[in-house]
Amino acid sequence: MVRVVVALFAGIVGISFAALFVRWALPAPPVVTAFYRMLFATALLAAWLVAAREALPAWPSTRLALAAGLCFGTDLALWHTAIVRTSLANATLLVNTTPIFVGLYAWSALGEAPGWRFAAAAALALAGAALLLGSSSATAGAETRSGDLLSVAAALFYSGYLLLMKAARRDGHTLPVLAIASGGAAAILGVYSAALGDRFAGFPTHSWVAMIGAAAVAQVGGVLGIVWALRWARASFASVALLAQPVGTSLLAWWLLGERIGARQALGGAAVLAAIALASGRALDVDRERPS
């Protein structure tokens, strides 16, 4: 239990820096930053995989990990673009509305009737998102609103990533599953970058440092801790714990980038956080199986 919680929150600290690395990497295009984040992370994980002599998982887990990687790559393409259009607080809050979409999936695909908790969460999420969009409209207009909407779209693919990785981890070890998913994400991000006509080189040194930091700190350090914990932590526990990411990113953006949070934005953010907590169900329920 203790190791699961420590790994999960260490991972959250790592991914809290993810949005900042995208800003620090400018003028590198945001989708290219995502591509190098996943490419460098895949190389690090592959080297670790060889050194640890870890075997690749069976085809069902491999297939799920590849599908998760495609979802994660699409999530990053949308979210990284959003980060340079809207505030880091808005982008991170809206992309973490995943429990809402997971609840909608359970309702539509699994036939699980939504209870009062989910109905209240959906209403709160809509109200919070409306306030965040309203605060964007009041400050920077259409481009910032488009960033907020891209963050919501990214949340759809982030939900798919979490669901698929949870399934892949049932029969596969953390390291090989994450390496396969990372490779799939890097591949699809390379396709997206090429389709957008982005350049892959010619950036200043600080851009490369930021992209390496995104790979090492946010991806390998952050995501690895979260994915490792997902095998034993129930989705409800993980979803509530992930509430710390938008809070952490908002505080880091205020401290390091000088991004101020207005009253309307704070109210909208609080509503979104409350919605995520409500949709997450039992917050402190962890599987009894002990991690190895």
C-alpha atoms as a PDB file:
ATOM      1  CA  MET A   1       0.000   0.000   0.000  1.00  0.00           C
ATOM      2  CA  VAL A   2       2.707   2.487   0.994  1.00  0.00           C
ATOM      3  CA  ARG A   3       4.827   1.713  -2.075  1.00  0.00           C
ATOM      4  CA  VAL A   4       1.817   2.117  -4.343  1.00  0.00           C
ATOM      5  CA  VAL A   5       0.961   5.539  -2.891  1.00  0.00           C
ATOM      6  CA  VAL A   6       4.596   6.728  -2.973  1.00  0.00           C
ATOM      7  CA  ALA A   7       5.056   5.606  -6.585  1.00  0.00           C
ATOM      8  CA  LEU A   8       1.786   7.226  -7.636  1.00  0.00           C
ATOM      9  CA  PHE A   9       2.523  10.596  -6.057  1.00  0.00           C
ATOM     10  CA  ALA A  10       6.160  10.580  -7.241  1.00  0.00           C
ATOM     11  CA  GLY A  11       4.770  10.035 -10.727  1.00  0.00           C
ATOM     12  CA  ILE A  12       2.339  12.917 -10.279  1.00  0.00           C
ATOM     13  CA  VAL A  13       5.196  15.261  -9.340  1.00  0.00           C
ATOM     14  CA  GLY A  14       6.965  14.259 -12.558  1.00  0.00           C
ATOM     15  CA  ILE A  15       3.987  14.803 -14.840  1.00  0.00           C
ATOM     16  CA  SER A  16       3.180  18.109 -13.138  1.00  0.00           C
ATOM     17  CA  PHE A  17       6.225  19.487 -14.970  1.00  0.00           C
ATOM     18  CA  ALA A  18       5.070  18.196 -18.379  1.00  0.00           C
ATOM     19  CA  ALA A  19       3.231  21.349 -19.453  1.00  0.00           C
ATOM     20  CA  LEU A  20       6.103  23.588 -18.369  1.00  0.00           C
ATOM     21  CA  PHE A  21       8.573  21.654 -20.515  1.00  0.00           C
ATOM     22  CA  VAL A  22       6.387  22.357 -23.582  1.00  0.00           C
ATOM     23  CA  ARG A  23       6.586  26.106 -22.924  1.00  0.00           C
ATOM     24  CA  TRP A  24      10.318  25.924 -22.182  1.00  0.00           C
ATOM     25  CA  ALA A  25      10.900  24.041 -25.455  1.00  0.00           C
ATOM     26  CA  LEU A  26       9.529  26.878 -27.612  1.00  0.00           C
ATOM     27  CA  PRO A  27      10.218  27.768 -30.434  1.00  0.00           C
ATOM     28  CA  ALA A  28      10.150  24.008 -31.075  1.00  0.00           C
ATOM     29  CA  PRO A  29       6.630  23.159 -32.336  1.00  0.00           C
ATOM     30  CA  PRO A  30       4.515  21.611 -29.562  1.00  0.00           C
ATOM     31  CA  VAL A  31       3.752  18.392 -31.467  1.00  0.00           C
ATOM     32  CA  VAL A  32       7.444  17.953 -32.276  1.00  0.00           C
ATOM     33  CA  THR A  33       8.204  18.423 -28.570  1.00  0.00           C
ATOM     34  CA  ALA A  34       5.742  15.612 -27.868  1.00  0.00           C
ATOM     35  CA  PHE A  35       7.417  13.458 -30.534  1.00  0.00           C
ATOM     36  CA  TYR A  36      10.882  13.878 -29.025  1.00  0.00           C
ATOM     37  CA  ARG A  37       9.501  13.389 -25.520  1.00  0.00           C
ATOM     38  CA  MET A  38       8.208   9.977 -26.559  1.00  0.00           C
ATOM     39  CA  LEU A  39      11.162   9.121 -28.808  1.00  0.00           C
ATOM     40  CA  PHE A  40      13.752   9.823 -26.097  1.00  0.00           C
ATOM     41  CA  ALA A  41      11.595   8.077 -23.515  1.00  0.00           C
ATOM     42  CA  THR A  42      11.254   5.011 -25.750  1.00  0.00           C
ATOM     43  CA  ALA A  43      15.039   4.877 -26.189  1.00  0.00           C
ATOM     44  CA  LEU A  44      15.572   5.099 -22.412  1.00  0.00           C
ATOM     45  CA  LEU A  45      12.949   2.439 -21.730  1.00  0.00           C
ATOM     46  CA  ALA A  46      14.304   0.141 -24.451  1.00  0.00           C
ATOM     47  CA  ALA A  47      17.813   0.354 -22.980  1.00  0.00           C
ATOM     48  CA  TRP A  48      16.404  -0.355 -19.531  1.00  0.00           C
ATOM     49  CA  LEU A  49      14.419  -3.273 -20.952  1.00  0.00           C
ATOM     50  CA  VAL A  50      17.540  -4.836 -22.452  1.00  0.00           C
ATOM     51  CA  ALA A  51      19.606  -4.268 -19.310  1.00  0.00           C
ATOM     52  CA  ALA A  52      16.892  -5.793 -17.117  1.00  0.00           C
ATOM     53  CA  ARG A  53      16.431  -8.700 -19.558  1.00  0.00           C
ATOM     54  CA  GLU A  54      12.695  -8.210 -19.454  1.00  0.00           C
ATOM     55  CA  ALA A  55      10.700 -10.319 -21.903  1.00  0.00           C
ATOM     56  CA  LEU A  56       8.084  -8.730 -24.122  1.00  0.00           C
ATOM     57  CA  PRO A  57       4.494  -9.494 -23.102  1.00  0.00           C
ATOM     58  CA  ALA A  58       2.173 -11.843 -24.960  1.00  0.00           C
ATOM     59  CA  TRP A  59       0.393 -10.537 -28.047  1.00  0.00           C
ATOM     60  CA  PRO A  60      -2.863  -9.550 -26.288  1.00  0.00           C
ATOM     61  CA  SER A  61      -0.987  -7.251 -23.895  1.00  0.00           C
ATOM     62  CA  THR A  62       1.260  -5.998 -26.708  1.00  0.00           C
ATOM     63  CA  ARG A  63      -1.761  -5.148 -28.826  1.00  0.00           C
ATOM     64  CA  LEU A  64      -3.406  -3.293 -25.937  1.00  0.00           C
ATOM     65  CA  ALA A  65      -0.166  -1.401 -25.199  1.00  0.00           C
ATOM     66  CA  LEU A  66       0.162  -0.335 -28.854  1.00  0.00           C
ATOM     67  CA  ALA A  67      -3.440   0.874 -28.886  1.00  0.00           C
ATOM     68  CA  ALA A  68      -2.777   2.756 -25.649  1.00  0.00           C
ATOM     69  CA  GLY A  69       0.265   4.353 -27.249  1.00  0.00           C
ATOM     70  CA  LEU A  70      -1.781   5.582 -30.216  1.00  0.00           C
ATOM     71  CA  CYS A  71      -4.292   7.113 -27.797  1.00  0.00           C
ATOM     72  CA  PHE A  72      -1.538   8.714 -25.738  1.00  0.00           C
ATOM     73  CA  GLY A  73       0.223  10.106 -28.796  1.00  0.00           C
ATOM     74  CA  THR A  74      -3.014  11.697 -29.994  1.00  0.00           C
ATOM     75  CA  ASP A  75      -3.658  13.022 -26.493  1.00  0.00           C
ATOM     76  CA  LEU A  76      -0.213  14.648 -26.427  1.00  0.00           C
ATOM     77  CA  ALA A  77      -0.605  16.149 -29.909  1.00  0.00           C
ATOM     78  CA  LEU A  78      -3.843  17.838 -28.872  1.00  0.00           C
ATOM     79  CA  TRP A  79      -2.722  18.794 -25.384  1.00  0.00           C
ATOM     80  CA  HIS A  80       0.699  20.172 -26.366  1.00  0.00           C
ATOM     81  CA  THR A  81      -1.021  22.385 -28.932  1.00  0.00           C
ATOM     82  CA  ALA A  82      -3.467  23.520 -26.251  1.00  0.00           C
ATOM     83  CA  ILE A  83      -0.632  24.398 -23.859  1.00  0.00           C
ATOM     84  CA  VAL A  84       0.711  27.125 -26.160  1.00  0.00           C
ATOM     85  CA  ARG A  85      -2.784  28.565 -26.718  1.00  0.00           C
ATOM     86  CA  THR A  86      -4.317  28.673 -23.236  1.00  0.00           C
ATOM     87  CA  SER A  87      -3.088  28.884 -19.664  1.00  0.00           C
ATOM     88  CA  LEU A  88      -1.312  25.894 -18.152  1.00  0.00           C
ATOM     89  CA  ALA A  89      -3.950  25.768 -15.407  1.00  0.00           C
ATOM     90  CA  ASN A  90      -6.834  25.514 -17.890  1.00  0.00           C
ATOM     91  CA  ALA A  91      -5.061  23.007 -20.129  1.00  0.00           C
ATOM     92  CA  THR A  92      -4.149  20.720 -17.243  1.00  0.00           C
ATOM     93  CA  LEU A  93      -7.500  20.957 -15.473  1.00  0.00           C
ATOM     94  CA  LEU A  94      -9.521  20.192 -18.593  1.00  0.00           C
ATOM     95  CA  VAL A  95      -7.335  17.317 -19.773  1.00  0.00           C
ATOM     96  CA  ASN A  96      -7.777  15.664 -16.368  1.00  0.00           C
ATOM     97  CA  THR A  97     -11.566  15.414 -16.688  1.00  0.00           C
ATOM     98  CA  THR A  98     -10.955  11.774 -17.650  1.00  0.00           C
ATOM     99  CA  PRO A  99     -13.218  10.254 -14.937  1.00  0.00           C
ATOM    100  CA  ILE A 100     -16.174  11.987 -16.604  1.00  0.00           C
ATOM    101  CA  PHE A 101     -15.400  10.310 -19.926  1.00  0.00           C
ATOM    102  CA  VAL A 102     -14.664   6.971 -18.248  1.00  0.00           C
ATOM    103  CA  GLY A 103     -18.103   7.225 -16.603  1.00  0.00           C
ATOM    104  CA  LEU A 104     -19.709   7.971 -19.962  1.00  0.00           C
ATOM    105  CA  TYR A 105     -17.931   4.945 -21.430  1.00  0.00           C
ATOM    106  CA  ALA A 106     -19.206   2.721 -18.620  1.00  0.00           C
ATOM    107  CA  TRP A 107     -22.721   4.037 -19.232  1.00  0.00           C
ATOM    108  CA  SER A 108     -22.771   3.747 -23.037  1.00  0.00           C
ATOM    109  CA  ALA A 109     -20.547   0.696 -23.646  1.00  0.00           C
ATOM    110  CA  LEU A 110     -20.964  -1.362 -20.482  1.00  0.00           C
ATOM    111  CA  GLY A 111     -24.576  -0.497 -19.723  1.00  0.00           C
ATOM    112  CA  GLU A 112     -23.829   0.765 -16.218  1.00  0.00           C
ATOM    113  CA  ALA A 113     -26.603   3.108 -15.139  1.00  0.00           C
ATOM    114  CA  PRO A 114     -25.241   6.480 -13.963  1.00  0.00           C
ATOM    115  CA  GLY A 115     -25.975   7.203 -10.310  1.00  0.00           C
ATOM    116  CA  TRP A 116     -26.482  10.527  -8.594  1.00  0.00           C
ATOM    117  CA  ARG A 117     -22.731  10.855  -8.031  1.00  0.00           C
ATOM    118  CA  PHE A 118     -21.947  10.746 -11.726  1.00  0.00           C
ATOM    119  CA  ALA A 119     -24.868  13.028 -12.656  1.00  0.00           C
ATOM    120  CA  ALA A 120     -23.663  15.608 -10.139  1.00  0.00           C
ATOM    121  CA  ALA A 121     -20.097  15.242 -11.380  1.00  0.00           C
ATOM    122  CA  ALA A 122     -21.117  15.768 -15.001  1.00  0.00           C
ATOM    123  CA  ALA A 123     -23.103  18.876 -14.081  1.00  0.00           C
ATOM    124  CA  LEU A 124     -20.195  20.278 -12.057  1.00  0.00           C
ATOM    125  CA  ALA A 125     -17.733  19.509 -14.864  1.00  0.00           C
ATOM    126  CA  LEU A 126     -19.905  21.326 -17.403  1.00  0.00           C
ATOM    127  CA  ALA A 127     -20.272  24.316 -15.074  1.00  0.00           C
ATOM    128  CA  GLY A 128     -16.549  24.408 -14.339  1.00  0.00           C
ATOM    129  CA  ALA A 129     -15.613  24.069 -18.008  1.00  0.00           C
ATOM    130  CA  ALA A 130     -18.036  26.876 -18.895  1.00  0.00           C
ATOM    131  CA  LEU A 131     -16.384  29.132 -16.314  1.00  0.00           C
ATOM    132  CA  LEU A 132     -12.917  28.262 -17.604  1.00  0.00           C
ATOM    133  CA  LEU A 133     -13.995  28.924 -21.186  1.00  0.00           C
ATOM    134  CA  GLY A 134     -15.594  32.162 -20.039  1.00  0.00           C
ATOM    135  CA  SER A 135     -12.411  33.281 -18.316  1.00  0.00           C
ATOM    136  CA  SER A 136     -10.481  32.506 -21.511  1.00  0.00           C
ATOM    137  CA  SER A 137     -12.948  34.497 -23.602  1.00  0.00           C
ATOM    138  CA  ALA A 138     -12.617  37.477 -21.300  1.00  0.00           C
ATOM    139  CA  THR A 139      -8.826  37.532 -21.467  1.00  0.00           C
ATOM    140  CA  ALA A 140      -7.519  36.335 -24.804  1.00  0.00           C
ATOM    141  CA  GLY A 141     -10.380  35.403 -27.114  1.00  0.00           C
ATOM    142  CA  ALA A 142     -10.776  32.716 -29.760  1.00  0.00           C
ATOM    143  CA  GLU A 143      -7.288  31.218 -29.726  1.00  0.00           C
ATOM    144  CA  THR A 144      -7.357  30.650 -25.972  1.00  0.00           C
ATOM    145  CA  ARG A 145     -10.860  29.135 -26.199  1.00  0.00           C
ATOM    146  CA  SER A 146      -9.586  26.781 -28.901  1.00  0.00           C
ATOM    147  CA  GLY A 147      -6.819  25.714 -26.513  1.00  0.00           C
ATOM    148  CA  ASP A 148      -9.401  24.891 -23.856  1.00  0.00           C
ATOM    149  CA  LEU A 149     -11.448  22.854 -26.339  1.00  0.00           C
ATOM    150  CA  LEU A 150      -8.357  20.987 -27.508  1.00  0.00           C
ATOM    151  CA  SER A 151      -7.687  20.075 -23.861  1.00  0.00           C
ATOM    152  CA  VAL A 152     -11.164  18.572 -23.571  1.00  0.00           C
ATOM    153  CA  ALA A 153     -10.582  16.573 -26.765  1.00  0.00           C
ATOM    154  CA  ALA A 154      -7.248  15.410 -25.368  1.00  0.00           C
ATOM    155  CA  ALA A 155      -9.057  14.150 -22.261  1.00  0.00           C
ATOM    156  CA  LEU A 156     -11.022  11.724 -24.448  1.00  0.00           C
ATOM    157  CA  PHE A 157      -7.832  10.100 -25.700  1.00  0.00           C
ATOM    158  CA  TYR A 158      -6.219  10.226 -22.250  1.00  0.00           C
ATOM    159  CA  SER A 159      -9.204   8.253 -20.962  1.00  0.00           C
ATOM    160  CA  GLY A 160      -8.636   5.647 -23.652  1.00  0.00           C
ATOM    161  CA  TYR A 161      -4.958   5.486 -22.728  1.00  0.00           C
ATOM    162  CA  LEU A 162      -5.673   4.853 -19.041  1.00  0.00           C
ATOM    163  CA  LEU A 163      -8.298   2.193 -19.760  1.00  0.00           C
ATOM    164  CA  LEU A 164      -6.093   0.367 -22.269  1.00  0.00           C
ATOM    165  CA  MET A 165      -2.985   0.538 -20.071  1.00  0.00           C
ATOM    166  CA  LYS A 166      -4.956  -0.801 -17.112  1.00  0.00           C
ATOM    167  CA  ALA A 167      -6.001  -3.756 -19.283  1.00  0.00           C
ATOM    168  CA  ALA A 168      -2.485  -4.287 -20.682  1.00  0.00           C
ATOM    169  CA  ARG A 169      -0.966  -4.306 -17.182  1.00  0.00           C
ATOM    170  CA  ARG A 170      -3.124  -7.247 -16.070  1.00  0.00           C
ATOM    171  CA  ASP A 171      -0.910  -9.714 -17.940  1.00  0.00           C
ATOM    172  CA  GLY A 172       2.179  -7.625 -18.675  1.00  0.00           C
ATOM    173  CA  HIS A 173       4.944  -6.139 -16.553  1.00  0.00           C
ATOM    174  CA  THR A 174       5.236  -2.375 -16.281  1.00  0.00           C
ATOM    175  CA  LEU A 175       8.479  -1.805 -18.182  1.00  0.00           C
ATOM    176  CA  PRO A 176       7.799  -3.714 -21.422  1.00  0.00           C
ATOM    177  CA  VAL A 177       4.190  -2.538 -21.593  1.00  0.00           C
ATOM    178  CA  LEU A 178       5.226   1.089 -21.129  1.00  0.00           C
ATOM    179  CA  ALA A 179       8.064   0.748 -23.672  1.00  0.00           C
ATOM    180  CA  ILE A 180       5.672  -0.603 -26.301  1.00  0.00           C
ATOM    181  CA  ALA A 181       3.087   2.108 -25.606  1.00  0.00           C
ATOM    182  CA  SER A 182       5.805   4.781 -25.765  1.00  0.00           C
ATOM    183  CA  GLY A 183       7.017   3.476 -29.120  1.00  0.00           C
ATOM    184  CA  GLY A 184       3.477   3.553 -30.496  1.00  0.00           C
ATOM    185  CA  ALA A 185       3.001   7.117 -29.239  1.00  0.00           C
ATOM    186  CA  ALA A 186       6.298   8.257 -30.780  1.00  0.00           C
ATOM    187  CA  ALA A 187       5.351   6.720 -34.131  1.00  0.00           C
ATOM    188  CA  ILE A 188       1.947   8.413 -34.343  1.00  0.00           C
ATOM    189  CA  LEU A 189       3.394  11.737 -33.168  1.00  0.00           C
ATOM    190  CA  GLY A 190       6.015  11.537 -35.924  1.00  0.00           C
ATOM    191  CA  VAL A 191       3.199  11.085 -38.439  1.00  0.00           C
ATOM    192  CA  TYR A 192       1.253  14.033 -36.979  1.00  0.00           C
ATOM    193  CA  SER A 193       4.335  16.289 -37.009  1.00  0.00           C
ATOM    194  CA  ALA A 194       5.151  15.428 -40.621  1.00  0.00           C
ATOM    195  CA  ALA A 195       1.532  15.981 -41.654  1.00  0.00           C
ATOM    196  CA  LEU A 196       1.598  19.436 -40.023  1.00  0.00           C
ATOM    197  CA  GLY A 197       4.805  20.295 -41.877  1.00  0.00           C
ATOM    198  CA  ASP A 198       6.742  20.879 -38.652  1.00  0.00           C
ATOM    199  CA  ARG A 199      10.524  20.852 -38.705  1.00  0.00           C
ATOM    200  CA  PHE A 200      12.395  18.299 -36.598  1.00  0.00           C
ATOM    201  CA  ALA A 201      15.710  20.144 -36.129  1.00  0.00           C
ATOM    202  CA  GLY A 202      17.316  23.577 -35.959  1.00  0.00           C
ATOM    203  CA  PHE A 203      16.164  24.410 -32.417  1.00  0.00           C
ATOM    204  CA  PRO A 204      18.180  26.295 -29.761  1.00  0.00           C
ATOM    205  CA  THR A 205      19.926  24.360 -27.003  1.00  0.00           C
ATOM    206  CA  HIS A 206      17.314  25.176 -24.371  1.00  0.00           C
ATOM    207  CA  SER A 207      14.637  23.511 -26.529  1.00  0.00           C
ATOM    208  CA  TRP A 208      16.579  20.236 -26.627  1.00  0.00           C
ATOM    209  CA  VAL A 209      17.208  20.419 -22.868  1.00  0.00           C
ATOM    210  CA  ALA A 210      13.470  20.898 -22.284  1.00  0.00           C
ATOM    211  CA  MET A 211      12.576  17.985 -24.570  1.00  0.00           C
ATOM    212  CA  ILE A 212      15.059  15.708 -22.808  1.00  0.00           C
ATOM    213  CA  GLY A 213      13.640  16.873 -19.475  1.00  0.00           C
ATOM    214  CA  ALA A 214      10.116  16.076 -20.663  1.00  0.00           C
ATOM    215  CA  ALA A 215      11.239  12.556 -21.594  1.00  0.00           C
ATOM    216  CA  ALA A 216      13.220  11.862 -18.415  1.00  0.00           C
ATOM    217  CA  VAL A 217      11.154  13.665 -15.773  1.00  0.00           C
ATOM    218  CA  ALA A 218       7.596  13.697 -17.080  1.00  0.00           C
ATOM    219  CA  GLN A 219       7.516  10.524 -19.176  1.00  0.00           C
ATOM    220  CA  VAL A 220       9.955   7.986 -17.726  1.00  0.00           C
ATOM    221  CA  GLY A 221       9.874   9.278 -14.157  1.00  0.00           C
ATOM    222  CA  GLY A 222       6.262  10.454 -13.983  1.00  0.00           C
ATOM    223  CA  VAL A 223       4.330   8.059 -16.183  1.00  0.00           C
ATOM    224  CA  LEU A 224       6.356   5.009 -15.115  1.00  0.00           C
ATOM    225  CA  GLY A 225       5.431   5.596 -11.474  1.00  0.00           C
ATOM    226  CA  ILE A 226       1.762   6.002 -12.343  1.00  0.00           C
ATOM    227  CA  VAL A 227       1.593   2.972 -14.662  1.00  0.00           C
ATOM    228  CA  TRP A 228       3.402   0.798 -12.100  1.00  0.00           C
ATOM    229  CA  ALA A 229       0.892   1.841  -9.440  1.00  0.00           C
ATOM    230  CA  LEU A 230      -2.092   1.243 -11.755  1.00  0.00           C
ATOM    231  CA  ARG A 231      -1.644  -2.525 -11.480  1.00  0.00           C
ATOM    232  CA  TRP A 232      -2.565  -2.454  -7.783  1.00  0.00           C
ATOM    233  CA  ALA A 233      -4.401   0.838  -7.312  1.00  0.00           C
ATOM    234  CA  ARG A 234      -8.045   0.873  -8.247  1.00  0.00           C
ATOM    235  CA  ALA A 235      -8.968   3.317 -10.986  1.00  0.00           C
ATOM    236  CA  SER A 236     -11.007   5.300  -8.436  1.00  0.00           C
ATOM    237  CA  PHE A 237      -7.977   5.818  -6.189  1.00  0.00           C
ATOM    238  CA  ALA A 238      -5.714   6.736  -9.104  1.00  0.00           C
ATOM    239  CA  SER A 239      -8.248   9.208 -10.513  1.00  0.00           C
ATOM    240  CA  VAL A 240      -8.526  11.092  -7.233  1.00  0.00           C
ATOM    241  CA  ALA A 241      -4.764  11.059  -6.699  1.00  0.00           C
ATOM    242  CA  LEU A 242      -4.296  12.525 -10.182  1.00  0.00           C
ATOM    243  CA  LEU A 243      -6.187  15.603  -8.967  1.00  0.00           C
ATOM    244  CA  ALA A 244      -2.819  16.683  -7.588  1.00  0.00           C
ATOM    245  CA  GLN A 245      -1.437  17.154 -11.113  1.00  0.00           C
ATOM    246  CA  PRO A 246      -3.486  20.191 -12.203  1.00  0.00           C
ATOM    247  CA  VAL A 247      -2.974  21.749  -8.779  1.00  0.00           C
ATOM    248  CA  GLY A 248       0.767  21.145  -8.969  1.00  0.00           C
ATOM    249  CA  THR A 249       1.016  22.433 -12.538  1.00  0.00           C
ATOM    250  CA  SER A 250      -0.974  25.564 -11.681  1.00  0.00           C
ATOM    251  CA  LEU A 251       1.288  26.330  -8.724  1.00  0.00           C
ATOM    252  CA  LEU A 252       4.439  25.703 -10.793  1.00  0.00           C
ATOM    253  CA  ALA A 253       3.111  27.933 -13.588  1.00  0.00           C
ATOM    254  CA  TRP A 254       2.400  30.699 -11.059  1.00  0.00           C
ATOM    255  CA  TRP A 255       5.819  30.317  -9.445  1.00  0.00           C
ATOM    256  CA  LEU A 256       8.044  29.756 -12.474  1.00  0.00           C
ATOM    257  CA  LEU A 257       6.123  31.425 -15.336  1.00  0.00           C
ATOM    258  CA  GLY A 258       4.189  34.121 -13.517  1.00  0.00           C
ATOM    259  CA  GLU A 259       0.766  32.869 -14.661  1.00  0.00           C
ATOM    260  CA  ARG A 260      -1.843  34.379 -12.377  1.00  0.00           C
ATOM    261  CA  ILE A 261      -5.171  32.721 -11.643  1.00  0.00           C
ATOM    262  CA  GLY A 262      -8.221  35.007 -11.619  1.00  0.00           C
ATOM    263  CA  ALA A 263     -11.278  34.571  -9.429  1.00  0.00           C
ATOM    264  CA  ARG A 264     -13.463  33.194 -12.255  1.00  0.00           C
ATOM    265  CA  GLN A 265     -10.748  30.765 -13.320  1.00  0.00           C
ATOM    266  CA  ALA A 266     -10.219  29.634  -9.719  1.00  0.00           C
ATOM    267  CA  LEU A 267     -13.958  29.016  -9.291  1.00  0.00           C
ATOM    268  CA  GLY A 268     -14.125  27.053 -12.545  1.00  0.00           C
ATOM    269  CA  GLY A 269     -11.057  25.055 -11.570  1.00  0.00           C
ATOM    270  CA  ALA A 270     -12.537  24.233  -8.178  1.00  0.00           C
ATOM    271  CA  ALA A 271     -15.735  23.008  -9.855  1.00  0.00           C
ATOM    272  CA  VAL A 272     -13.772  20.801 -12.252  1.00  0.00           C
ATOM    273  CA  LEU A 273     -11.693  19.351  -9.395  1.00  0.00           C
ATOM    274  CA  ALA A 274     -14.870  18.620  -7.413  1.00  0.00           C
ATOM    275  CA  ALA A 275     -16.392  16.961 -10.481  1.00  0.00           C
ATOM    276  CA  ILE A 276     -13.374  14.714 -10.980  1.00  0.00           C
ATOM    277  CA  ALA A 277     -13.444  13.719  -7.321  1.00  0.00           C
ATOM    278  CA  LEU A 278     -17.164  12.886  -7.479  1.00  0.00           C
ATOM    279  CA  ALA A 279     -16.792  10.852 -10.669  1.00  0.00           C
ATOM    280  CA  SER A 280     -13.902   8.883  -9.268  1.00  0.00           C
ATOM    281  CA  GLY A 281     -15.964   6.892  -6.763  1.00  0.00           C
ATOM    282  CA  ARG A 282     -14.282   5.356  -3.737  1.00  0.00           C
ATOM    283  CA  ALA A 283     -11.128   7.392  -3.388  1.00  0.00           C
ATOM    284  CA  LEU A 284      -9.090   5.318  -0.993  1.00  0.00           C
ATOM    285  CA  ASP A 285      -9.872   1.786  -2.173  1.00  0.00           C
ATOM    286  CA  VAL A 286      -6.738  -0.110  -3.237  1.00  0.00           C
ATOM    287  CA  ASP A 287      -6.527  -3.742  -4.335  1.00  0.00           C
ATOM    288  CA  ARG A 288      -5.251  -6.060  -1.649  1.00  0.00           C
ATOM    289  CA  GLU A 289      -2.716  -7.769  -3.903  1.00  0.00           C
ATOM    290  CA  ARG A 290       0.750  -6.706  -2.801  1.00  0.00           C
ATOM    291  CA  PRO A 291       3.117  -5.214  -5.388  1.00  0.00           C
ATOM    292  CA  SER A 292       6.329  -6.992  -6.293  1.00  0.00           C
END
